[in-house]
Amino acid sequence: MDTSLILNYLTDLSQHNDREWYHAHKAEYKEANIQFEALVQELILRIRNFDNHILHMEAKDLTFKLVRDTRFSHDKSPYNPAFRAHIGPKGKLPVPVGYYLMIKPGNQSFLGGGLFADMFKNATSMIRDSIAEKGAEWEEIIQAPEFQKMFTVRGTALKRVPTGYDSEHPQAEFLKYKNWYLEYPICDDIFRDEKAFLAEASRIFQLMKPFNDFLNQALKYFQMPSR
């Protein structure tokens, strides 16, 4: 598989981010997208080796569109020049949490895990409750030497520990968070080497698994809001 096709297409799109160019280069998009879906399909197989919650899925059902919602953005560029996918127990739904992949040229690619969304108040409360109740388990996960070497827990956070939680709790800083996620950067050179990328992605996602497992246990009874 020639993964450089993906980077080349996305680079061109970032330089010609308009509908006229996009529609004139549909063939290039199709070829790059086929390559990306094949890559995601291989990642699904590899993740299943260490996470039995990832069932057989079709890569095309896990990817996101290039089209941007520009209604509330100052940037009116119609496309996001990145290929993205979420490999979770329920596909690309943000809950249960899974393994996220974004490929973007200019060394902006990354592998992700955890809860990126911060608009689900119930999910936030469930995870806060779990951190408050199982602080030692949470700390054991995030203080593991290999975890600390690779990751920093990220998320949007309040200025203070919210009402109802102990401000002196050993994990008080994480109780301020509204979402909890990980990002691991992938440079363009690694992505161009398909074998190296797949090996690295599998290794990093496996290291993320205990973090994801903790969040998913907390989110066991979460239900996505009905539209």
Foldseek 3Di string as FASTA:
>chain_A
DQQVLLAVVLVVCVVVLDPVVCVVPVVSVVVNVVVVQVLVQVLLVLLCVQDVLQDDDRSVQFKDAQADDCPPPPDPRGGNSKIKGFRGSVHNPPPLKGKIWIDHAPQPTKIKTWRADLPDQVLLVLLLVLCQVPVVLVCCLCVPVVNVVFWDKDADFDPAQDPPGDRPRPVRRVSRGSITMTIGTDHPVQSSPSVSVSVVSSVVRSSCVSVSVSSNVSCVPPDDDDD
